[in-house]
Amino acid sequence: MVFTKRQRERVMRREITCSVRIWQKPHVRVGGRYSLGPGAICVTSIREICFEDITPKLARALRV
């Protein structure tokens, strides 16, 4: 999982707990641990959604 430096800091502070990625197939797996600066991020779930599923509420939650 790649995040900008500003996003990494917010992920490590748990201000960001959800990420939407546009992939044709998953690049991570549930339970996988991925390096994130001095720590790691653990993928707890993956869910396929459509563009229509991205509501204003979800977009605000993902805003960086």
N, C-alpha and C. Protein backbone atom coordinates (compact mmCIF):
# COMPACT_ATOMS: atom_id res chain seq x y z
N MET A 1 0.85 -1.17 0.00
CA MET A 1 0.00 0.00 0.00
C MET A 1 0.90 1.23 0.00
N VAL A 2 0.66 2.11 -0.93
CA VAL A 2 1.46 3.32 -1.04
C VAL A 2 0.60 4.52 -0.63
N PHE A 3 1.12 5.30 0.29
CA PHE A 3 0.48 6.53 0.74
C PHE A 3 1.50 7.65 0.66
N THR A 4 1.03 8.88 0.45
CA THR A 4 1.94 10.03 0.48
C THR A 4 2.45 10.19 1.91
N LYS A 5 3.51 10.98 2.08
CA LYS A 5 4.07 11.17 3.41
C LYS A 5 3.01 11.74 4.37
N ARG A 6 2.24 12.72 3.89
CA ARG A 6 1.20 13.31 4.73
C ARG A 6 0.14 12.27 5.10
N GLN A 7 -0.22 11.41 4.16
CA GLN A 7 -1.20 10.37 4.44
C GLN A 7 -0.64 9.34 5.40
N ARG A 8 0.63 8.96 5.23
CA ARG A 8 1.24 7.96 6.13
C ARG A 8 1.16 8.41 7.58
N GLU A 9 1.45 9.68 7.83
CA GLU A 9 1.41 10.19 9.20
C GLU A 9 -0.01 10.09 9.76
N ARG A 10 -1.01 10.41 8.94
CA ARG A 10 -2.40 10.32 9.39
C ARG A 10 -2.84 8.88 9.57
N VAL A 11 -2.35 7.96 8.74
CA VAL A 11 -2.67 6.54 8.90
C VAL A 11 -2.06 6.03 10.21
N MET A 12 -0.82 6.40 10.49
CA MET A 12 -0.17 5.94 11.72
C MET A 12 -0.85 6.50 12.97
N ARG A 13 -1.47 7.70 12.86
CA ARG A 13 -2.21 8.26 13.99
C ARG A 13 -3.65 7.75 14.03
N ARG A 14 -3.99 6.86 13.09
CA ARG A 14 -5.33 6.26 12.97
C ARG A 14 -6.41 7.28 12.65
N GLU A 15 -6.03 8.38 12.00
CA GLU A 15 -7.01 9.35 11.51
C GLU A 15 -7.61 8.83 10.20
N ILE A 16 -6.85 8.03 9.46
CA ILE A 16 -7.32 7.39 8.24
C ILE A 16 -7.36 5.89 8.51
N THR A 17 -8.54 5.29 8.38
CA THR A 17 -8.68 3.86 8.66
C THR A 17 -9.27 3.10 7.48
N CYS A 18 -9.53 3.82 6.37
CA CYS A 18 -10.15 3.22 5.21
C CYS A 18 -9.50 3.81 3.96
N SER A 19 -9.33 2.99 2.95
CA SER A 19 -8.73 3.45 1.71
C SER A 19 -9.47 2.82 0.54
N VAL A 20 -9.77 3.62 -0.48
CA VAL A 20 -10.40 3.13 -1.69
C VAL A 20 -9.35 3.11 -2.78
N ARG A 21 -9.18 1.98 -3.41
CA ARG A 21 -8.19 1.81 -4.49
C ARG A 21 -8.91 1.36 -5.75
N ILE A 22 -8.46 1.84 -6.88
CA ILE A 22 -9.03 1.42 -8.16
C ILE A 22 -8.06 0.44 -8.79
N TRP A 23 -8.38 -0.83 -8.64
CA TRP A 23 -7.56 -1.92 -9.15
C TRP A 23 -8.42 -2.87 -9.95
N GLN A 24 -7.85 -3.52 -10.94
CA GLN A 24 -8.58 -4.56 -11.66
C GLN A 24 -8.58 -5.85 -10.86
N LYS A 25 -7.58 -6.03 -10.01
CA LYS A 25 -7.52 -7.18 -9.11
C LYS A 25 -6.82 -6.72 -7.84
N PRO A 26 -7.09 -7.34 -6.71
CA PRO A 26 -6.47 -6.91 -5.44
C PRO A 26 -4.94 -7.01 -5.48
N HIS A 27 -4.29 -6.02 -4.92
CA HIS A 27 -2.83 -6.01 -4.81
C HIS A 27 -2.39 -6.31 -3.38
N VAL A 28 -3.36 -6.53 -2.51
CA VAL A 28 -3.09 -6.89 -1.11
C VAL A 28 -3.99 -8.06 -0.75
N ARG A 29 -3.74 -8.65 0.41
CA ARG A 29 -4.61 -9.74 0.85
C ARG A 29 -5.01 -9.49 2.30
N VAL A 30 -6.19 -9.98 2.66
CA VAL A 30 -6.67 -9.85 4.04
C VAL A 30 -5.70 -10.56 4.96
N GLY A 31 -5.33 -9.89 6.03
CA GLY A 31 -4.36 -10.44 6.98
C GLY A 31 -2.93 -10.06 6.63
N GLY A 32 -2.73 -9.52 5.43
CA GLY A 32 -1.38 -9.12 5.02
C GLY A 32 -0.90 -7.91 5.80
N ARG A 33 0.40 -7.88 6.07
CA ARG A 33 1.03 -6.74 6.75
C ARG A 33 1.97 -6.08 5.75
N TYR A 34 1.83 -4.75 5.63
CA TYR A 34 2.60 -4.00 4.64
C TYR A 34 3.32 -2.86 5.34
N SER A 35 4.59 -2.70 5.00
CA SER A 35 5.44 -1.70 5.62
C SER A 35 4.84 -0.30 5.45
N LEU A 36 4.89 0.48 6.52
CA LEU A 36 4.40 1.85 6.50
C LEU A 36 5.29 2.67 7.40
N GLY A 37 6.35 3.24 6.82
CA GLY A 37 7.28 4.01 7.62
C GLY A 37 7.89 3.15 8.70
N PRO A 38 7.84 3.62 9.96
CA PRO A 38 8.43 2.85 11.06
C PRO A 38 7.55 1.68 11.51
N GLY A 39 6.36 1.58 10.98
CA GLY A 39 5.45 0.52 11.40
C GLY A 39 4.94 -0.28 10.22
N ALA A 40 3.74 -0.80 10.37
CA ALA A 40 3.12 -1.60 9.31
C ALA A 40 1.62 -1.38 9.33
N ILE A 41 0.99 -1.66 8.21
CA ILE A 41 -0.46 -1.60 8.11
C ILE A 41 -0.95 -3.02 7.90
N CYS A 42 -2.03 -3.39 8.57
CA CYS A 42 -2.59 -4.73 8.44
C CYS A 42 -3.94 -4.62 7.75
N VAL A 43 -4.13 -5.33 6.65
CA VAL A 43 -5.39 -5.30 5.91
C VAL A 43 -6.38 -6.21 6.62
N THR A 44 -7.49 -5.63 7.08
CA THR A 44 -8.50 -6.40 7.82
C THR A 44 -9.66 -6.84 6.94
N SER A 45 -9.88 -6.14 5.83
CA SER A 45 -10.94 -6.55 4.92
C SER A 45 -10.75 -5.91 3.56
N ILE A 46 -11.29 -6.56 2.55
CA ILE A 46 -11.30 -6.05 1.19
C ILE A 46 -12.73 -6.21 0.70
N ARG A 47 -13.25 -5.16 0.08
CA ARG A 47 -14.63 -5.22 -0.42
C ARG A 47 -14.68 -4.57 -1.79
N GLU A 48 -15.25 -5.25 -2.75
CA GLU A 48 -15.41 -4.68 -4.08
C GLU A 48 -16.62 -3.75 -4.08
N ILE A 49 -16.44 -2.55 -4.61
CA ILE A 49 -17.53 -1.60 -4.70
C ILE A 49 -17.56 -0.99 -6.10
N CYS A 50 -18.66 -0.37 -6.45
CA CYS A 50 -18.80 0.34 -7.73
C CYS A 50 -18.64 1.84 -7.46
N PHE A 51 -18.41 2.61 -8.51
CA PHE A 51 -18.30 4.05 -8.33
C PHE A 51 -19.55 4.62 -7.66
N GLU A 52 -20.70 4.04 -7.96
CA GLU A 52 -21.95 4.51 -7.37
C GLU A 52 -21.98 4.32 -5.85
N ASP A 53 -21.16 3.41 -5.34
CA ASP A 53 -21.10 3.15 -3.90
C ASP A 53 -20.31 4.21 -3.14
N ILE A 54 -19.59 5.06 -3.86
CA ILE A 54 -18.80 6.10 -3.21
C ILE A 54 -19.73 7.28 -2.95
N THR A 55 -20.26 7.31 -1.76
CA THR A 55 -21.22 8.34 -1.35
C THR A 55 -20.47 9.59 -0.88
N PRO A 56 -21.14 10.72 -0.78
CA PRO A 56 -20.49 11.92 -0.22
C PRO A 56 -19.91 11.66 1.17
N LYS A 57 -20.63 10.88 1.98
CA LYS A 57 -20.15 10.56 3.34
C LYS A 57 -18.84 9.78 3.28
N LEU A 58 -18.76 8.77 2.41
CA LEU A 58 -17.53 7.98 2.26
C LEU A 58 -16.41 8.86 1.71
N ALA A 59 -16.71 9.70 0.73
CA ALA A 59 -15.70 10.58 0.16
C ALA A 59 -15.12 11.51 1.22
N ARG A 60 -15.96 12.04 2.10
CA ARG A 60 -15.47 12.91 3.18
C ARG A 60 -14.58 12.13 4.14
N ALA A 61 -14.94 10.88 4.42
CA ALA A 61 -14.15 10.05 5.33
C ALA A 61 -12.78 9.75 4.73
N LEU A 62 -12.69 9.69 3.40
CA LEU A 62 -11.44 9.37 2.72
C LEU A 62 -10.62 10.60 2.40
N ARG A 63 -11.20 11.77 2.54
CA ARG A 63 -10.53 13.01 2.17
C ARG A 63 -9.23 13.17 2.95
N VAL A 64 -8.20 13.60 2.25
CA VAL A 64 -6.90 13.81 2.91
C VAL A 64 -6.49 15.25 2.83
